[in-house]
Amino acid sequence: MHNGRVTPKQQPGLGELLRYVGELVEQGAEDRYREINLHYRARYTPVLRAMNAGAQTIGDVTSRTRLTQGAISQTVSLMESDGLVSRHCLPDGRKTGIRLTPAGRALLQRLEPHWAVTFRAIAELEKEIGHPLRRVLEDAAHALERRGFAERLAAAES
């Protein structure tokens, strides 16, 4: 500390804070799944929510979640191994479709009430911290889509 101030060397960076908050949220979700005896990986949530909203291909899931195609492909492969999704050829022959298996549909039915609780917990967290956290993150994502972080770093060096 210099004159009672935290120096940049002592402050966690944006990436560190985002990862840490993400880890806290994911760990809490995983703990809760165990408590309710649900054998489920939190990383499946974006795919299942996108499929529940109508996504039928990895590309559809990617565009709905903003996660990378590689991350979605890996997750879908894990879900396929766990018997939750299956792949099939689409009529145009250019893409592979994904669909929930009966086990995937049963899991989705168990998860939907949990997701409603999750959004209530998020609202309570936002009330506690006094910030609309999801809106702040959405705004940050849009700003970084307009002007990437690398460009912002280069401008800050000037």
C-alpha atoms as a PDB file:
ATOM      1  CA  MET A   1       0.000   0.000   0.000  1.00  0.00           C
ATOM      2  CA  HIS A   2       1.126   3.477  -0.807  1.00  0.00           C
ATOM      3  CA  ASN A   3      -0.527   6.286   1.177  1.00  0.00           C
ATOM      4  CA  GLY A   4      -3.299   3.888   2.189  1.00  0.00           C
ATOM      5  CA  ARG A   5      -4.113   3.015  -1.423  1.00  0.00           C
ATOM      6  CA  VAL A   6      -4.069  -0.383  -3.071  1.00  0.00           C
ATOM      7  CA  THR A   7      -1.591  -0.368  -5.941  1.00  0.00           C
ATOM      8  CA  PRO A   8      -2.306  -2.022  -9.311  1.00  0.00           C
ATOM      9  CA  LYS A   9       0.104  -4.826  -8.364  1.00  0.00           C
ATOM     10  CA  GLN A  10      -2.103  -5.667  -5.381  1.00  0.00           C
ATOM     11  CA  GLN A  11      -5.428  -5.580  -7.202  1.00  0.00           C
ATOM     12  CA  PRO A  12      -6.840  -8.654  -8.914  1.00  0.00           C
ATOM     13  CA  GLY A  13      -7.299  -8.172 -12.637  1.00  0.00           C
ATOM     14  CA  LEU A  14     -10.622  -8.269 -14.463  1.00  0.00           C
ATOM     15  CA  GLY A  15      -9.984 -11.755 -15.821  1.00  0.00           C
ATOM     16  CA  GLU A  16      -9.108 -13.061 -12.371  1.00  0.00           C
ATOM     17  CA  LEU A  17     -12.263 -11.615 -10.832  1.00  0.00           C
ATOM     18  CA  LEU A  18     -14.478 -12.937 -13.635  1.00  0.00           C
ATOM     19  CA  ARG A  19     -12.979 -16.428 -13.342  1.00  0.00           C
ATOM     20  CA  TYR A  20     -13.249 -16.370  -9.551  1.00  0.00           C
ATOM     21  CA  VAL A  21     -16.910 -15.302  -9.584  1.00  0.00           C
ATOM     22  CA  GLY A  22     -17.604 -17.925 -12.259  1.00  0.00           C
ATOM     23  CA  GLU A  23     -15.923 -20.591 -10.141  1.00  0.00           C
ATOM     24  CA  LEU A  24     -17.913 -19.565  -7.053  1.00  0.00           C
ATOM     25  CA  VAL A  25     -21.186 -19.750  -8.976  1.00  0.00           C
ATOM     26  CA  GLU A  26     -20.352 -23.051 -10.632  1.00  0.00           C
ATOM     27  CA  GLN A  27     -19.110 -24.636  -7.386  1.00  0.00           C
ATOM     28  CA  GLY A  28     -22.264 -23.534  -5.595  1.00  0.00           C
ATOM     29  CA  ALA A  29     -24.388 -25.048  -8.364  1.00  0.00           C
ATOM     30  CA  GLU A  30     -22.403 -28.303  -8.272  1.00  0.00           C
ATOM     31  CA  ASP A  31     -22.760 -28.469  -4.455  1.00  0.00           C
ATOM     32  CA  ARG A  32     -26.510 -27.946  -4.739  1.00  0.00           C
ATOM     33  CA  TYR A  33     -26.844 -30.640  -7.425  1.00  0.00           C
ATOM     34  CA  ARG A  34     -25.126 -33.093  -5.066  1.00  0.00           C
ATOM     35  CA  GLU A  35     -27.396 -32.031  -2.181  1.00  0.00           C
ATOM     36  CA  ILE A  36     -30.505 -32.778  -4.257  1.00  0.00           C
ATOM     37  CA  ASN A  37     -28.944 -36.027  -5.530  1.00  0.00           C
ATOM     38  CA  LEU A  38     -28.751 -34.876  -9.131  1.00  0.00           C
ATOM     39  CA  HIS A  39     -25.805 -36.287 -11.063  1.00  0.00           C
ATOM     40  CA  TYR A  40     -25.262 -33.404 -13.424  1.00  0.00           C
ATOM     41  CA  ARG A  41     -22.448 -31.227 -14.724  1.00  0.00           C
ATOM     42  CA  ALA A  42     -23.085 -27.482 -14.509  1.00  0.00           C
ATOM     43  CA  ARG A  43     -21.326 -27.031 -17.866  1.00  0.00           C
ATOM     44  CA  TYR A  44     -24.319 -28.765 -19.518  1.00  0.00           C
ATOM     45  CA  THR A  45     -26.652 -25.929 -18.523  1.00  0.00           C
ATOM     46  CA  PRO A  46     -26.033 -23.551 -21.460  1.00  0.00           C
ATOM     47  CA  VAL A  47     -26.540 -26.385 -23.967  1.00  0.00           C
ATOM     48  CA  LEU A  48     -29.685 -27.695 -22.298  1.00  0.00           C
ATOM     49  CA  ARG A  49     -31.166 -24.218 -21.934  1.00  0.00           C
ATOM     50  CA  ALA A  50     -30.429 -23.444 -25.599  1.00  0.00           C
ATOM     51  CA  MET A  51     -31.917 -26.754 -26.741  1.00  0.00           C
ATOM     52  CA  ASN A  52     -34.964 -26.153 -24.549  1.00  0.00           C
ATOM     53  CA  ALA A  53     -35.355 -22.803 -26.356  1.00  0.00           C
ATOM     54  CA  GLY A  54     -35.233 -24.504 -29.763  1.00  0.00           C
ATOM     55  CA  ALA A  55     -31.553 -24.915 -30.679  1.00  0.00           C
ATOM     56  CA  GLN A  56     -31.073 -27.917 -32.972  1.00  0.00           C
ATOM     57  CA  THR A  57     -27.390 -27.709 -33.962  1.00  0.00           C
ATOM     58  CA  ILE A  58     -24.100 -26.860 -32.297  1.00  0.00           C
ATOM     59  CA  GLY A  59     -24.145 -23.618 -34.291  1.00  0.00           C
ATOM     60  CA  ASP A  60     -27.592 -22.778 -32.886  1.00  0.00           C
ATOM     61  CA  VAL A  61     -26.325 -23.410 -29.348  1.00  0.00           C
ATOM     62  CA  THR A  62     -23.212 -21.326 -29.995  1.00  0.00           C
ATOM     63  CA  SER A  63     -25.211 -18.342 -31.247  1.00  0.00           C
ATOM     64  CA  ARG A  64     -27.656 -18.527 -28.319  1.00  0.00           C
ATOM     65  CA  THR A  65     -24.989 -18.894 -25.613  1.00  0.00           C
ATOM     66  CA  ARG A  66     -22.095 -16.815 -27.004  1.00  0.00           C
ATOM     67  CA  LEU A  67     -19.743 -19.623 -26.008  1.00  0.00           C
ATOM     68  CA  THR A  68     -17.171 -20.855 -28.509  1.00  0.00           C
ATOM     69  CA  GLN A  69     -18.031 -23.585 -30.952  1.00  0.00           C
ATOM     70  CA  GLY A  70     -15.149 -25.638 -29.548  1.00  0.00           C
ATOM     71  CA  ALA A  71     -16.493 -25.396 -26.001  1.00  0.00           C
ATOM     72  CA  ILE A  72     -20.006 -26.297 -27.137  1.00  0.00           C
ATOM     73  CA  SER A  73     -18.724 -29.220 -29.235  1.00  0.00           C
ATOM     74  CA  GLN A  74     -16.790 -30.593 -26.257  1.00  0.00           C
ATOM     75  CA  THR A  75     -19.799 -30.236 -23.991  1.00  0.00           C
ATOM     76  CA  VAL A  76     -22.121 -31.901 -26.516  1.00  0.00           C
ATOM     77  CA  SER A  77     -19.645 -34.786 -26.827  1.00  0.00           C
ATOM     78  CA  LEU A  78     -19.687 -35.232 -23.031  1.00  0.00           C
ATOM     79  CA  MET A  79     -23.475 -35.060 -23.030  1.00  0.00           C
ATOM     80  CA  GLU A  80     -23.564 -37.658 -25.787  1.00  0.00           C
ATOM     81  CA  SER A  81     -21.273 -39.928 -23.722  1.00  0.00           C
ATOM     82  CA  ASP A  82     -23.610 -39.465 -20.754  1.00  0.00           C
ATOM     83  CA  GLY A  83     -26.579 -40.456 -22.938  1.00  0.00           C
ATOM     84  CA  LEU A  84     -28.294 -37.063 -22.794  1.00  0.00           C
ATOM     85  CA  VAL A  85     -28.116 -36.067 -26.469  1.00  0.00           C
ATOM     86  CA  SER A  86     -27.819 -37.811 -29.794  1.00  0.00           C
ATOM     87  CA  ARG A  87     -26.640 -36.557 -33.150  1.00  0.00           C
ATOM     88  CA  HIS A  88     -28.474 -36.998 -36.419  1.00  0.00           C
ATOM     89  CA  CYS A  89     -28.134 -35.852 -40.028  1.00  0.00           C
ATOM     90  CA  LEU A  90     -30.257 -32.903 -41.013  1.00  0.00           C
ATOM     91  CA  PRO A  91     -32.125 -32.984 -44.339  1.00  0.00           C
ATOM     92  CA  ASP A  92     -29.741 -30.508 -46.005  1.00  0.00           C
ATOM     93  CA  GLY A  93     -26.824 -32.857 -45.278  1.00  0.00           C
ATOM     94  CA  ARG A  94     -24.510 -29.964 -44.409  1.00  0.00           C
ATOM     95  CA  LYS A  95     -25.059 -29.916 -40.665  1.00  0.00           C
ATOM     96  CA  THR A  96     -25.451 -32.413 -37.905  1.00  0.00           C
ATOM     97  CA  GLY A  97     -28.436 -31.987 -35.650  1.00  0.00           C
ATOM     98  CA  ILE A  98     -28.544 -32.670 -31.952  1.00  0.00           C
ATOM     99  CA  ARG A  99     -31.557 -33.762 -29.967  1.00  0.00           C
ATOM    100  CA  LEU A 100     -32.273 -34.725 -26.411  1.00  0.00           C
ATOM    101  CA  THR A 101     -32.570 -38.415 -25.667  1.00  0.00           C
ATOM    102  CA  PRO A 102     -35.312 -39.639 -23.307  1.00  0.00           C
ATOM    103  CA  ALA A 103     -32.751 -39.386 -20.473  1.00  0.00           C
ATOM    104  CA  GLY A 104     -31.939 -35.826 -21.559  1.00  0.00           C
ATOM    105  CA  ARG A 105     -35.617 -34.858 -21.608  1.00  0.00           C
ATOM    106  CA  ALA A 106     -36.115 -36.389 -18.136  1.00  0.00           C
ATOM    107  CA  LEU A 107     -33.114 -34.458 -16.836  1.00  0.00           C
ATOM    108  CA  LEU A 108     -34.454 -31.246 -18.345  1.00  0.00           C
ATOM    109  CA  GLN A 109     -37.758 -31.748 -16.510  1.00  0.00           C
ATOM    110  CA  ARG A 110     -35.860 -32.114 -13.230  1.00  0.00           C
ATOM    111  CA  LEU A 111     -33.734 -29.048 -13.959  1.00  0.00           C
ATOM    112  CA  GLU A 112     -36.426 -26.566 -14.967  1.00  0.00           C
ATOM    113  CA  PRO A 113     -37.673 -25.989 -11.388  1.00  0.00           C
ATOM    114  CA  HIS A 114     -34.049 -25.713 -10.220  1.00  0.00           C
ATOM    115  CA  TRP A 115     -33.388 -23.038 -12.867  1.00  0.00           C
ATOM    116  CA  ALA A 116     -36.361 -21.029 -11.600  1.00  0.00           C
ATOM    117  CA  VAL A 117     -34.797 -21.168  -8.120  1.00  0.00           C
ATOM    118  CA  THR A 118     -31.432 -20.186  -9.638  1.00  0.00           C
ATOM    119  CA  PHE A 119     -32.867 -17.007 -11.123  1.00  0.00           C
ATOM    120  CA  ARG A 120     -34.495 -16.129  -7.796  1.00  0.00           C
ATOM    121  CA  ALA A 121     -31.087 -16.608  -6.113  1.00  0.00           C
ATOM    122  CA  ILE A 122     -29.480 -14.358  -8.747  1.00  0.00           C
ATOM    123  CA  ALA A 123     -32.114 -11.677  -8.103  1.00  0.00           C
ATOM    124  CA  GLU A 124     -31.390 -11.916  -4.354  1.00  0.00           C
ATOM    125  CA  LEU A 125     -27.642 -11.607  -5.012  1.00  0.00           C
ATOM    126  CA  GLU A 126     -28.189  -8.566  -7.222  1.00  0.00           C
ATOM    127  CA  LYS A 127     -30.363  -6.987  -4.521  1.00  0.00           C
ATOM    128  CA  GLU A 128     -27.677  -7.660  -1.892  1.00  0.00           C
ATOM    129  CA  ILE A 129     -24.850  -6.149  -3.927  1.00  0.00           C
ATOM    130  CA  GLY A 130     -26.978  -3.272  -5.197  1.00  0.00           C
ATOM    131  CA  HIS A 131     -26.051  -3.866  -8.840  1.00  0.00           C
ATOM    132  CA  PRO A 132     -27.829  -5.598 -11.702  1.00  0.00           C
ATOM    133  CA  LEU A 133     -24.905  -7.986 -12.163  1.00  0.00           C
ATOM    134  CA  ARG A 134     -26.248  -9.752 -15.243  1.00  0.00           C
ATOM    135  CA  ARG A 135     -26.986  -6.419 -16.924  1.00  0.00           C
ATOM    136  CA  VAL A 136     -23.503  -5.144 -16.095  1.00  0.00           C
ATOM    137  CA  LEU A 137     -21.973  -8.287 -17.630  1.00  0.00           C
ATOM    138  CA  GLU A 138     -24.229  -8.016 -20.714  1.00  0.00           C
ATOM    139  CA  ASP A 139     -23.216  -4.362 -21.131  1.00  0.00           C
ATOM    140  CA  ALA A 140     -19.536  -5.297 -20.766  1.00  0.00           C
ATOM    141  CA  ALA A 141     -19.927  -8.065 -23.359  1.00  0.00           C
ATOM    142  CA  HIS A 142     -21.580  -5.687 -25.836  1.00  0.00           C
ATOM    143  CA  ALA A 143     -18.882  -3.046 -25.306  1.00  0.00           C
ATOM    144  CA  LEU A 144     -16.135  -5.641 -25.883  1.00  0.00           C
ATOM    145  CA  GLU A 145     -17.912  -6.915 -28.999  1.00  0.00           C
ATOM    146  CA  ARG A 146     -17.918  -3.357 -30.363  1.00  0.00           C
ATOM    147  CA  ARG A 147     -14.278  -2.700 -29.426  1.00  0.00           C
ATOM    148  CA  GLY A 148     -12.166  -5.652 -28.332  1.00  0.00           C
ATOM    149  CA  PHE A 149      -9.977  -5.741 -25.269  1.00  0.00           C
ATOM    150  CA  ALA A 150      -6.782  -6.004 -27.348  1.00  0.00           C
ATOM    151  CA  GLU A 151      -7.683  -2.729 -29.061  1.00  0.00           C
ATOM    152  CA  ARG A 152      -8.418  -1.146 -25.692  1.00  0.00           C
ATOM    153  CA  LEU A 153      -5.046  -2.332 -24.348  1.00  0.00           C
ATOM    154  CA  ALA A 154      -3.230  -0.858 -27.350  1.00  0.00           C
ATOM    155  CA  ALA A 155      -5.058   2.455 -26.906  1.00  0.00           C
ATOM    156  CA  ALA A 156      -4.200   2.521 -23.186  1.00  0.00           C
ATOM    157  CA  GLU A 157      -0.487   2.112 -24.035  1.00  0.00           C
ATOM    158  CA  SER A 158      -0.542   5.224 -26.225  1.00  0.00           C
END
